[in-house]
Amino acid sequence: AYLGGVGGSDNAAFFHSILKSANSPNTRVAIVHFVNDDFIRDMDARMSLFRENLPSRVGPVLLIDRPEGIVGHGGGNTVAFAQRYGDCLLHFVIDPSPKSGC
């Protein structure tokens, strides 16, 4: 939530600097966003930043972009999220070569 900030805010600038400084080809990055997250002002712009900046500078990237039926900032704390994506996230973290996509 801290890094969700409105464009031009200090938080948004901090978020952009973190994203643009990512440079570790062995690091796996999983990003999940949910519909109606009150802390993200422009979800489409944020997801575009991830897609454009991360894959060329880090290892595998897993983007779960607004899954249907799971909403709000706490969407990752739901049973539905755990049932649908728990296995995928576990394998993304522990498998030597994670599967592409879930």
PDB file of N, CA and C in Angstrom:
ATOM      1  N   ALA A   1       0.825  -1.190   0.000  1.00  0.00           N
ATOM      2  CA  ALA A   1       0.000   0.000   0.000  1.00  0.00           C
ATOM      3  C   ALA A   1       0.867   1.251   0.000  1.00  0.00           C
ATOM      4  N   TYR A   2       1.975   1.195   0.685  1.00  0.00           N
ATOM      5  CA  TYR A   2       2.865   2.354   0.773  1.00  0.00           C
ATOM      6  C   TYR A   2       3.339   2.803  -0.600  1.00  0.00           C
ATOM      7  N   LEU A   3       3.577   1.850  -1.476  1.00  0.00           N
ATOM      8  CA  LEU A   3       4.122   2.186  -2.798  1.00  0.00           C
ATOM      9  C   LEU A   3       3.041   2.391  -3.851  1.00  0.00           C
ATOM     10  N   GLY A   4       1.787   2.372  -3.457  1.00  0.00           N
ATOM     11  CA  GLY A   4       0.708   2.550  -4.420  1.00  0.00           C
ATOM     12  C   GLY A   4       0.599   3.965  -4.918  1.00  0.00           C
ATOM     13  N   GLY A   5       0.885   4.898  -4.055  1.00  0.00           N
ATOM     14  CA  GLY A   5       0.873   6.335  -4.296  1.00  0.00           C
ATOM     15  C   GLY A   5       0.304   6.874  -5.588  1.00  0.00           C
ATOM     16  N   VAL A   6      -0.129   8.071  -5.535  1.00  0.00           N
ATOM     17  CA  VAL A   6      -0.609   8.795  -6.710  1.00  0.00           C
ATOM     18  C   VAL A   6       0.611   9.241  -7.502  1.00  0.00           C
ATOM     19  N   GLY A   7       0.506   9.236  -8.841  1.00  0.00           N
ATOM     20  CA  GLY A   7       1.609   9.679  -9.678  1.00  0.00           C
ATOM     21  C   GLY A   7       2.131  11.031  -9.227  1.00  0.00           C
ATOM     22  N   GLY A   8       3.430  11.168  -9.121  1.00  0.00           N
ATOM     23  CA  GLY A   8       4.036  12.420  -8.702  1.00  0.00           C
ATOM     24  C   GLY A   8       4.289  12.494  -7.206  1.00  0.00           C
ATOM     25  N   SER A   9       3.737  11.580  -6.427  1.00  0.00           N
ATOM     26  CA  SER A   9       3.973  11.606  -4.982  1.00  0.00           C
ATOM     27  C   SER A   9       5.341  11.005  -4.688  1.00  0.00           C
ATOM     28  N   ASP A  10       5.841  11.253  -3.491  1.00  0.00           N
ATOM     29  CA  ASP A  10       7.120  10.663  -3.087  1.00  0.00           C
ATOM     30  C   ASP A  10       7.047   9.144  -3.113  1.00  0.00           C
ATOM     31  N   ASN A  11       5.906   8.582  -2.702  1.00  0.00           N
ATOM     32  CA  ASN A  11       5.763   7.133  -2.711  1.00  0.00           C
ATOM     33  C   ASN A  11       5.834   6.584  -4.128  1.00  0.00           C
ATOM     34  N   ALA A  12       5.180   7.253  -5.069  1.00  0.00           N
ATOM     35  CA  ALA A  12       5.215   6.803  -6.463  1.00  0.00           C
ATOM     36  C   ALA A  12       6.636   6.889  -7.007  1.00  0.00           C
ATOM     37  N   ALA A  13       7.346   7.944  -6.682  1.00  0.00           N
ATOM     38  CA  ALA A  13       8.728   8.096  -7.145  1.00  0.00           C
ATOM     39  C   ALA A  13       9.606   6.992  -6.563  1.00  0.00           C
ATOM     40  N   PHE A  14       9.403   6.667  -5.299  1.00  0.00           N
ATOM     41  CA  PHE A  14      10.159   5.600  -4.651  1.00  0.00           C
ATOM     42  C   PHE A  14       9.874   4.262  -5.325  1.00  0.00           C
ATOM     43  N   PHE A  15       8.607   3.997  -5.611  1.00  0.00           N
ATOM     44  CA  PHE A  15       8.214   2.776  -6.310  1.00  0.00           C
ATOM     45  C   PHE A  15       8.918   2.684  -7.666  1.00  0.00           C
ATOM     46  N   HIS A  16       8.917   3.756  -8.436  1.00  0.00           N
ATOM     47  CA  HIS A  16       9.556   3.756  -9.755  1.00  0.00           C
ATOM     48  C   HIS A  16      11.063   3.523  -9.636  1.00  0.00           C
ATOM     49  N   SER A  17      11.696   4.099  -8.626  1.00  0.00           N
ATOM     50  CA  SER A  17      13.141   3.900  -8.479  1.00  0.00           C
ATOM     51  C   SER A  17      13.462   2.445  -8.134  1.00  0.00           C
ATOM     52  N   ILE A  18      12.641   1.829  -7.308  1.00  0.00           N
ATOM     53  CA  ILE A  18      12.847   0.405  -6.978  1.00  0.00           C
ATOM     54  C   ILE A  18      12.694  -0.445  -8.235  1.00  0.00           C
ATOM     55  N   LEU A  19      11.639  -0.192  -8.973  1.00  0.00           N
ATOM     56  CA  LEU A  19      11.365  -0.972 -10.177  1.00  0.00           C
ATOM     57  C   LEU A  19      12.485  -0.829 -11.201  1.00  0.00           C
ATOM     58  N   LYS A  20      12.934   0.387 -11.427  1.00  0.00           N
ATOM     59  CA  LYS A  20      13.956   0.625 -12.448  1.00  0.00           C
ATOM     60  C   LYS A  20      15.343   0.190 -12.010  1.00  0.00           C
ATOM     61  N   SER A  21      15.570  -0.009 -10.709  1.00  0.00           N
ATOM     62  CA  SER A  21      16.884  -0.443 -10.250  1.00  0.00           C
ATOM     63  C   SER A  21      16.982  -1.957 -10.112  1.00  0.00           C
ATOM     64  N   ALA A  22      15.888  -2.659 -10.308  1.00  0.00           N
ATOM     65  CA  ALA A  22      15.915  -4.125 -10.225  1.00  0.00           C
ATOM     66  C   ALA A  22      16.911  -4.658 -11.261  1.00  0.00           C
ATOM     67  N   ASN A  23      17.873  -5.427 -10.783  1.00  0.00           N
ATOM     68  CA  ASN A  23      18.894  -5.929 -11.698  1.00  0.00           C
ATOM     69  C   ASN A  23      19.554  -7.168 -11.093  1.00  0.00           C
ATOM     70  N   SER A  24      18.825  -8.255 -11.085  1.00  0.00           N
ATOM     71  CA  SER A  24      19.349  -9.493 -10.552  1.00  0.00           C
ATOM     72  C   SER A  24      18.749 -10.657 -11.330  1.00  0.00           C
ATOM     73  N   PRO A  25      19.492 -11.188 -12.294  1.00  0.00           N
ATOM     74  CA  PRO A  25      18.952 -12.230 -13.158  1.00  0.00           C
ATOM     75  C   PRO A  25      18.563 -13.523 -12.442  1.00  0.00           C
ATOM     76  N   ASN A  26      18.968 -13.699 -11.194  1.00  0.00           N
ATOM     77  CA  ASN A  26      18.605 -14.895 -10.442  1.00  0.00           C
ATOM     78  C   ASN A  26      17.386 -14.687  -9.547  1.00  0.00           C
ATOM     79  N   THR A  27      16.883 -13.471  -9.487  1.00  0.00           N
ATOM     80  CA  THR A  27      15.763 -13.170  -8.606  1.00  0.00           C
ATOM     81  C   THR A  27      14.439 -13.451  -9.295  1.00  0.00           C
ATOM     82  N   ARG A  28      13.573 -14.175  -8.606  1.00  0.00           N
ATOM     83  CA  ARG A  28      12.224 -14.443  -9.104  1.00  0.00           C
ATOM     84  C   ARG A  28      11.289 -13.396  -8.501  1.00  0.00           C
ATOM     85  N   VAL A  29      10.395 -12.890  -9.318  1.00  0.00           N
ATOM     86  CA  VAL A  29       9.476 -11.844  -8.862  1.00  0.00           C
ATOM     87  C   VAL A  29       8.051 -12.273  -9.169  1.00  0.00           C
ATOM     88  N   ALA A  30       7.222 -12.321  -8.135  1.00  0.00           N
ATOM     89  CA  ALA A  30       5.800 -12.597  -8.296  1.00  0.00           C
ATOM     90  C   ALA A  30       5.033 -11.344  -7.906  1.00  0.00           C
ATOM     91  N   ILE A  31       4.129 -10.914  -8.761  1.00  0.00           N
ATOM     92  CA  ILE A  31       3.340  -9.711  -8.521  1.00  0.00           C
ATOM     93  C   ILE A  31       1.874 -10.072  -8.708  1.00  0.00           C
ATOM     94  N   VAL A  32       1.071  -9.664  -7.737  1.00  0.00           N
ATOM     95  CA  VAL A  32      -0.359  -9.953  -7.792  1.00  0.00           C
ATOM     96  C   VAL A  32      -1.114  -8.653  -7.543  1.00  0.00           C
ATOM     97  N   HIS A  33      -2.059  -8.375  -8.401  1.00  0.00           N
ATOM     98  CA  HIS A  33      -2.939  -7.209  -8.228  1.00  0.00           C
ATOM     99  C   HIS A  33      -4.381  -7.651  -8.329  1.00  0.00           C
ATOM    100  N   PHE A  34      -5.225  -6.992  -7.536  1.00  0.00           N
ATOM    101  CA  PHE A  34      -6.636  -7.332  -7.508  1.00  0.00           C
ATOM    102  C   PHE A  34      -7.496  -6.137  -7.913  1.00  0.00           C
ATOM    103  N   VAL A  35      -8.618  -6.420  -8.522  1.00  0.00           N
ATOM    104  CA  VAL A  35      -9.609  -5.404  -8.862  1.00  0.00           C
ATOM    105  C   VAL A  35     -10.021  -4.684  -7.577  1.00  0.00           C
ATOM    106  N   ASN A  36     -10.259  -3.402  -7.689  1.00  0.00           N
ATOM    107  CA  ASN A  36     -10.746  -2.577  -6.575  1.00  0.00           C
ATOM    108  C   ASN A  36      -9.785  -2.497  -5.400  1.00  0.00           C
ATOM    109  N   ASP A  37      -8.490  -2.504  -5.666  1.00  0.00           N
ATOM    110  CA  ASP A  37      -7.504  -2.262  -4.612  1.00  0.00           C
ATOM    111  C   ASP A  37      -7.443  -0.755  -4.406  1.00  0.00           C
ATOM    112  N   ASP A  38      -7.897  -0.301  -3.261  1.00  0.00           N
ATOM    113  CA  ASP A  38      -7.974   1.132  -2.987  1.00  0.00           C
ATOM    114  C   ASP A  38      -6.624   1.832  -2.973  1.00  0.00           C
ATOM    115  N   PHE A  39      -5.542   1.070  -2.865  1.00  0.00           N
ATOM    116  CA  PHE A  39      -4.222   1.677  -2.776  1.00  0.00           C
ATOM    117  C   PHE A  39      -3.528   1.835  -4.129  1.00  0.00           C
ATOM    118  N   ILE A  40      -4.094   1.294  -5.177  1.00  0.00           N
ATOM    119  CA  ILE A  40      -3.490   1.402  -6.506  1.00  0.00           C
ATOM    120  C   ILE A  40      -4.368   2.321  -7.340  1.00  0.00           C
ATOM    121  N   ARG A  41      -3.845   3.458  -7.724  1.00  0.00           N
ATOM    122  CA  ARG A  41      -4.638   4.464  -8.431  1.00  0.00           C
ATOM    123  C   ARG A  41      -4.835   4.141  -9.906  1.00  0.00           C
ATOM    124  N   ASP A  42      -3.791   3.664 -10.572  1.00  0.00           N
ATOM    125  CA  ASP A  42      -3.876   3.382 -12.004  1.00  0.00           C
ATOM    126  C   ASP A  42      -3.291   1.996 -12.262  1.00  0.00           C
ATOM    127  N   MET A  43      -4.128   0.997 -12.140  1.00  0.00           N
ATOM    128  CA  MET A  43      -3.685  -0.392 -12.244  1.00  0.00           C
ATOM    129  C   MET A  43      -3.088  -0.710 -13.614  1.00  0.00           C
ATOM    130  N   ASP A  44      -3.695  -0.218 -14.683  1.00  0.00           N
ATOM    131  CA  ASP A  44      -3.173  -0.507 -16.026  1.00  0.00           C
ATOM    132  C   ASP A  44      -1.761   0.046 -16.195  1.00  0.00           C
ATOM    133  N   ALA A  45      -1.532   1.266 -15.735  1.00  0.00           N
ATOM    134  CA  ALA A  45      -0.199   1.869 -15.847  1.00  0.00           C
ATOM    135  C   ALA A  45       0.810   1.100 -15.009  1.00  0.00           C
ATOM    136  N   ARG A  46       0.407   0.697 -13.827  1.00  0.00           N
ATOM    137  CA  ARG A  46       1.305  -0.043 -12.940  1.00  0.00           C
ATOM    138  C   ARG A  46       1.682  -1.390 -13.552  1.00  0.00           C
ATOM    139  N   MET A  47       0.714  -2.113 -14.097  1.00  0.00           N
ATOM    140  CA  MET A  47       1.013  -3.403 -14.709  1.00  0.00           C
ATOM    141  C   MET A  47       1.900  -3.223 -15.941  1.00  0.00           C
ATOM    142  N   SER A  48       1.697  -2.156 -16.700  1.00  0.00           N
ATOM    143  CA  SER A  48       2.556  -1.883 -17.850  1.00  0.00           C
ATOM    144  C   SER A  48       3.997  -1.649 -17.404  1.00  0.00           C
ATOM    145  N   LEU A  49       4.169  -0.930 -16.309  1.00  0.00           N
ATOM    146  CA  LEU A  49       5.525  -0.709 -15.786  1.00  0.00           C
ATOM    147  C   LEU A  49       6.210  -2.024 -15.452  1.00  0.00           C
ATOM    148  N   PHE A  50       5.478  -2.935 -14.824  1.00  0.00           N
ATOM    149  CA  PHE A  50       6.060  -4.239 -14.502  1.00  0.00           C
ATOM    150  C   PHE A  50       6.433  -4.987 -15.769  1.00  0.00           C
ATOM    151  N   ARG A  51       5.513  -5.052 -16.706  1.00  0.00           N
ATOM    152  CA  ARG A  51       5.762  -5.812 -17.941  1.00  0.00           C
ATOM    153  C   ARG A  51       6.926  -5.243 -18.748  1.00  0.00           C
ATOM    154  N   GLU A  52       7.074  -3.935 -18.733  1.00  0.00           N
ATOM    155  CA  GLU A  52       8.114  -3.280 -19.531  1.00  0.00           C
ATOM    156  C   GLU A  52       9.472  -3.257 -18.845  1.00  0.00           C
ATOM    157  N   ASN A  53       9.520  -3.286 -17.524  1.00  0.00           N
ATOM    158  CA  ASN A  53      10.781  -3.082 -16.824  1.00  0.00           C
ATOM    159  C   ASN A  53      11.382  -4.308 -16.159  1.00  0.00           C
ATOM    160  N   LEU A  54      10.581  -5.256 -15.756  1.00  0.00           N
ATOM    161  CA  LEU A  54      11.139  -6.375 -15.002  1.00  0.00           C
ATOM    162  C   LEU A  54      11.706  -7.519 -15.830  1.00  0.00           C
ATOM    163  N   PRO A  55      11.008  -8.037 -16.825  1.00  0.00           N
ATOM    164  CA  PRO A  55      11.482  -9.272 -17.471  1.00  0.00           C
ATOM    165  C   PRO A  55      12.906  -9.215 -18.007  1.00  0.00           C
ATOM    166  N   SER A  56      13.385  -8.090 -18.423  1.00  0.00           N
ATOM    167  CA  SER A  56      14.733  -8.027 -18.987  1.00  0.00           C
ATOM    168  C   SER A  56      15.810  -7.909 -17.913  1.00  0.00           C
ATOM    169  N   ARG A  57      15.440  -7.681 -16.654  1.00  0.00           N
ATOM    170  CA  ARG A  57      16.445  -7.448 -15.624  1.00  0.00           C
ATOM    171  C   ARG A  57      16.411  -8.392 -14.431  1.00  0.00           C
ATOM    172  N   VAL A  58      15.419  -9.255 -14.381  1.00  0.00           N
ATOM    173  CA  VAL A  58      15.348 -10.222 -13.288  1.00  0.00           C
ATOM    174  C   VAL A  58      15.120 -11.602 -13.876  1.00  0.00           C
ATOM    175  N   GLY A  59      15.061 -12.594 -13.023  1.00  0.00           N
ATOM    176  CA  GLY A  59      14.787 -13.952 -13.472  1.00  0.00           C
ATOM    177  C   GLY A  59      13.313 -14.093 -13.824  1.00  0.00           C
ATOM    178  N   PRO A  60      12.750 -15.249 -13.571  1.00  0.00           N
ATOM    179  CA  PRO A  60      11.339 -15.468 -13.903  1.00  0.00           C
ATOM    180  C   PRO A  60      10.423 -14.453 -13.224  1.00  0.00           C
ATOM    181  N   VAL A  61       9.414 -14.017 -13.957  1.00  0.00           N
ATOM    182  CA  VAL A  61       8.421 -13.081 -13.434  1.00  0.00           C
ATOM    183  C   VAL A  61       7.049 -13.731 -13.567  1.00  0.00           C
ATOM    184  N   LEU A  62       6.299 -13.700 -12.489  1.00  0.00           N
ATOM    185  CA  LEU A  62       4.935 -14.218 -12.487  1.00  0.00           C
ATOM    186  C   LEU A  62       4.006 -13.057 -12.176  1.00  0.00           C
ATOM    187  N   LEU A  63       3.157 -12.708 -13.114  1.00  0.00           N
ATOM    188  CA  LEU A  63       2.169 -11.648 -12.915  1.00  0.00           C
ATOM    189  C   LEU A  63       0.789 -12.267 -12.843  1.00  0.00           C
ATOM    190  N   ILE A  64       0.114 -12.045 -11.743  1.00  0.00           N
ATOM    191  CA  ILE A  64      -1.278 -12.450 -11.609  1.00  0.00           C
ATOM    192  C   ILE A  64      -2.059 -11.144 -11.607  1.00  0.00           C
ATOM    193  N   ASP A  65      -2.689 -10.874 -12.716  1.00  0.00           N
ATOM    194  CA  ASP A  65      -3.294  -9.560 -12.966  1.00  0.00           C
ATOM    195  C   ASP A  65      -4.809  -9.614 -12.840  1.00  0.00           C
ATOM    196  N   ARG A  66      -5.307  -9.140 -11.735  1.00  0.00           N
ATOM    197  CA  ARG A  66      -6.730  -8.983 -11.467  1.00  0.00           C
ATOM    198  C   ARG A  66      -7.540 -10.250 -11.750  1.00  0.00           C
ATOM    199  N   PRO A  67      -7.251 -11.314 -11.017  1.00  0.00           N
ATOM    200  CA  PRO A  67      -7.994 -12.553 -11.248  1.00  0.00           C
ATOM    201  C   PRO A  67      -9.479 -12.367 -10.953  1.00  0.00           C
ATOM    202  N   GLU A  68     -10.275 -12.973 -11.775  1.00  0.00           N
ATOM    203  CA  GLU A  68     -11.730 -12.858 -11.654  1.00  0.00           C
ATOM    204  C   GLU A  68     -12.211 -13.415 -10.313  1.00  0.00           C
ATOM    205  N   GLY A  69     -13.093 -12.661  -9.674  1.00  0.00           N
ATOM    206  CA  GLY A  69     -13.729 -13.126  -8.450  1.00  0.00           C
ATOM    207  C   GLY A  69     -12.958 -12.863  -7.170  1.00  0.00           C
ATOM    208  N   ILE A  70     -11.762 -12.308  -7.263  1.00  0.00           N
ATOM    209  CA  ILE A  70     -10.972 -11.985  -6.069  1.00  0.00           C
ATOM    210  C   ILE A  70     -10.717 -10.483  -6.108  1.00  0.00           C
ATOM    211  N   VAL A  71     -11.182  -9.773  -5.097  1.00  0.00           N
ATOM    212  CA  VAL A  71     -11.147  -8.311  -5.156  1.00  0.00           C
ATOM    213  C   VAL A  71     -10.522  -7.701  -3.911  1.00  0.00           C
ATOM    214  N   GLY A  72     -10.122  -6.452  -4.073  1.00  0.00           N
ATOM    215  CA  GLY A  72      -9.661  -5.638  -2.959  1.00  0.00           C
ATOM    216  C   GLY A  72      -8.214  -5.862  -2.568  1.00  0.00           C
ATOM    217  N   HIS A  73      -7.744  -4.970  -1.725  1.00  0.00           N
ATOM    218  CA  HIS A  73      -6.353  -5.003  -1.284  1.00  0.00           C
ATOM    219  C   HIS A  73      -6.011  -6.299  -0.546  1.00  0.00           C
ATOM    220  N   GLY A  74      -6.974  -6.885   0.135  1.00  0.00           N
ATOM    221  CA  GLY A  74      -6.731  -8.120   0.874  1.00  0.00           C
ATOM    222  C   GLY A  74      -7.067  -9.377   0.104  1.00  0.00           C
ATOM    223  N   GLY A  75      -7.197  -9.279  -1.212  1.00  0.00           N
ATOM    224  CA  GLY A  75      -7.572 -10.436  -2.016  1.00  0.00           C
ATOM    225  C   GLY A  75      -6.668 -11.636  -1.847  1.00  0.00           C
ATOM    226  N   GLY A  76      -5.401 -11.405  -1.562  1.00  0.00           N
ATOM    227  CA  GLY A  76      -4.459 -12.499  -1.378  1.00  0.00           C
ATOM    228  C   GLY A  76      -4.653 -13.254  -0.079  1.00  0.00           C
ATOM    229  N   ASN A  77      -5.481 -12.721   0.799  1.00  0.00           N
ATOM    230  CA  ASN A  77      -5.746 -13.373   2.079  1.00  0.00           C
ATOM    231  C   ASN A  77      -6.992 -14.247   2.044  1.00  0.00           C
ATOM    232  N   THR A  78      -7.531 -14.483   0.865  1.00  0.00           N
ATOM    233  CA  THR A  78      -8.781 -15.234   0.768  1.00  0.00           C
ATOM    234  C   THR A  78      -8.529 -16.713   0.475  1.00  0.00           C
ATOM    235  N   VAL A  79      -9.501 -17.516   0.846  1.00  0.00           N
ATOM    236  CA  VAL A  79      -9.443 -18.949   0.542  1.00  0.00           C
ATOM    237  C   VAL A  79      -9.435 -19.152  -0.969  1.00  0.00           C
ATOM    238  N   ALA A  80     -10.227 -18.365  -1.681  1.00  0.00           N
ATOM    239  CA  ALA A  80     -10.289 -18.493  -3.143  1.00  0.00           C
ATOM    240  C   ALA A  80      -8.915 -18.283  -3.771  1.00  0.00           C
ATOM    241  N   PHE A  81      -8.170 -17.293  -3.292  1.00  0.00           N
ATOM    242  CA  PHE A  81      -6.833 -17.050  -3.839  1.00  0.00           C
ATOM    243  C   PHE A  81      -5.911 -18.228  -3.529  1.00  0.00           C
ATOM    244  N   ALA A  82      -5.938 -18.697  -2.298  1.00  0.00           N
ATOM    245  CA  ALA A  82      -5.079 -19.818  -1.909  1.00  0.00           C
ATOM    246  C   ALA A  82      -5.386 -21.063  -2.728  1.00  0.00           C
ATOM    247  N   GLN A  83      -6.662 -21.337  -2.933  1.00  0.00           N
ATOM    248  CA  GLN A  83      -7.042 -22.520  -3.700  1.00  0.00           C
ATOM    249  C   GLN A  83      -6.647 -22.404  -5.161  1.00  0.00           C
ATOM    250  N   ARG A  84      -6.795 -21.216  -5.724  1.00  0.00           N
ATOM    251  CA  ARG A  84      -6.535 -21.036  -7.151  1.00  0.00           C
ATOM    252  C   ARG A  84      -5.047 -20.876  -7.468  1.00  0.00           C
ATOM    253  N   TYR A  85      -4.293 -20.205  -6.591  1.00  0.00           N
ATOM    254  CA  TYR A  85      -2.918 -19.850  -6.935  1.00  0.00           C
ATOM    255  C   TYR A  85      -1.845 -20.372  -5.978  1.00  0.00           C
ATOM    256  N   GLY A  86      -2.239 -20.977  -4.869  1.00  0.00           N
ATOM    257  CA  GLY A  86      -1.260 -21.435  -3.888  1.00  0.00           C
ATOM    258  C   GLY A  86      -0.236 -22.398  -4.465  1.00  0.00           C
ATOM    259  N   ASP A  87      -0.706 -23.400  -5.183  1.00  0.00           N
ATOM    260  CA  ASP A  87       0.196 -24.391  -5.768  1.00  0.00           C
ATOM    261  C   ASP A  87       1.128 -23.745  -6.798  1.00  0.00           C
ATOM    262  N   CYS A  88       0.582 -22.878  -7.589  1.00  0.00           N
ATOM    263  CA  CYS A  88       1.369 -22.200  -8.605  1.00  0.00           C
ATOM    264  C   CYS A  88       2.487 -21.360  -7.964  1.00  0.00           C
ATOM    265  N   LEU A  89       2.133 -20.588  -6.940  1.00  0.00           N
ATOM    266  CA  LEU A  89       3.132 -19.750  -6.274  1.00  0.00           C
ATOM    267  C   LEU A  89       4.201 -20.598  -5.587  1.00  0.00           C
ATOM    268  N   LEU A  90       3.794 -21.684  -4.967  1.00  0.00           N
ATOM    269  CA  LEU A  90       4.759 -22.570  -4.322  1.00  0.00           C
ATOM    270  C   LEU A  90       5.760 -23.096  -5.338  1.00  0.00           C
ATOM    271  N   HIS A  91       5.273 -23.594  -6.470  1.00  0.00           N
ATOM    272  CA  HIS A  91       6.180 -24.130  -7.494  1.00  0.00           C
ATOM    273  C   HIS A  91       7.023 -23.029  -8.132  1.00  0.00           C
ATOM    274  N   PHE A  92       6.477 -21.845  -8.238  1.00  0.00           N
ATOM    275  CA  PHE A  92       7.255 -20.717  -8.778  1.00  0.00           C
ATOM    276  C   PHE A  92       8.467 -20.438  -7.891  1.00  0.00           C
ATOM    277  N   VAL A  93       8.284 -20.573  -6.589  1.00  0.00           N
ATOM    278  CA  VAL A  93       9.358 -20.283  -5.641  1.00  0.00           C
ATOM    279  C   VAL A  93      10.352 -21.427  -5.532  1.00  0.00           C
ATOM    280  N   ILE A  94       9.890 -22.676  -5.518  1.00  0.00           N
ATOM    281  CA  ILE A  94      10.808 -23.777  -5.180  1.00  0.00           C
ATOM    282  C   ILE A  94      11.337 -24.585  -6.363  1.00  0.00           C
ATOM    283  N   ASP A  95      10.635 -24.605  -7.492  1.00  0.00           N
ATOM    284  CA  ASP A  95      11.099 -25.426  -8.615  1.00  0.00           C
ATOM    285  C   ASP A  95      12.363 -24.813  -9.244  1.00  0.00           C
ATOM    286  N   PRO A  96      13.331 -25.659  -9.612  1.00  0.00           N
ATOM    287  CA  PRO A  96      14.534 -25.141 -10.257  1.00  0.00           C
ATOM    288  C   PRO A  96      14.225 -24.323 -11.514  1.00  0.00           C
ATOM    289  N   SER A  97      13.271 -24.775 -12.290  1.00  0.00           N
ATOM    290  CA  SER A  97      12.833 -24.048 -13.488  1.00  0.00           C
ATOM    291  C   SER A  97      11.315 -23.934 -13.411  1.00  0.00           C
ATOM    292  N   PRO A  98      10.812 -22.807 -12.890  1.00  0.00           N
ATOM    293  CA  PRO A  98       9.370 -22.697 -12.729  1.00  0.00           C
ATOM    294  C   PRO A  98       8.618 -22.748 -14.059  1.00  0.00           C
ATOM    295  N   LYS A  99       7.408 -23.312 -13.997  1.00  0.00           N
ATOM    296  CA  LYS A  99       6.554 -23.343 -15.176  1.00  0.00           C
ATOM    297  C   LYS A  99       6.222 -21.911 -15.575  1.00  0.00           C
ATOM    298  N   SER A 100       6.038 -21.680 -16.855  1.00  0.00           N
ATOM    299  CA  SER A 100       5.615 -20.357 -17.270  1.00  0.00           C
ATOM    300  C   SER A 100       4.103 -20.265 -17.102  1.00  0.00           C
ATOM    301  N   GLY A 101       3.666 -19.252 -16.408  1.00  0.00           N
ATOM    302  CA  GLY A 101       2.239 -19.040 -16.192  1.00  0.00           C
ATOM    303  C   GLY A 101       1.634 -20.024 -15.216  1.00  0.00           C
ATOM    304  N   CYS A 102       0.460 -19.702 -14.787  1.00  0.00           N
ATOM    305  CA  CYS A 102      -0.263 -20.586 -13.865  1.00  0.00           C
ATOM    306  C   CYS A 102      -1.498 -21.100 -14.556  1.00  0.00           C
TER     307      CYS A 102
END
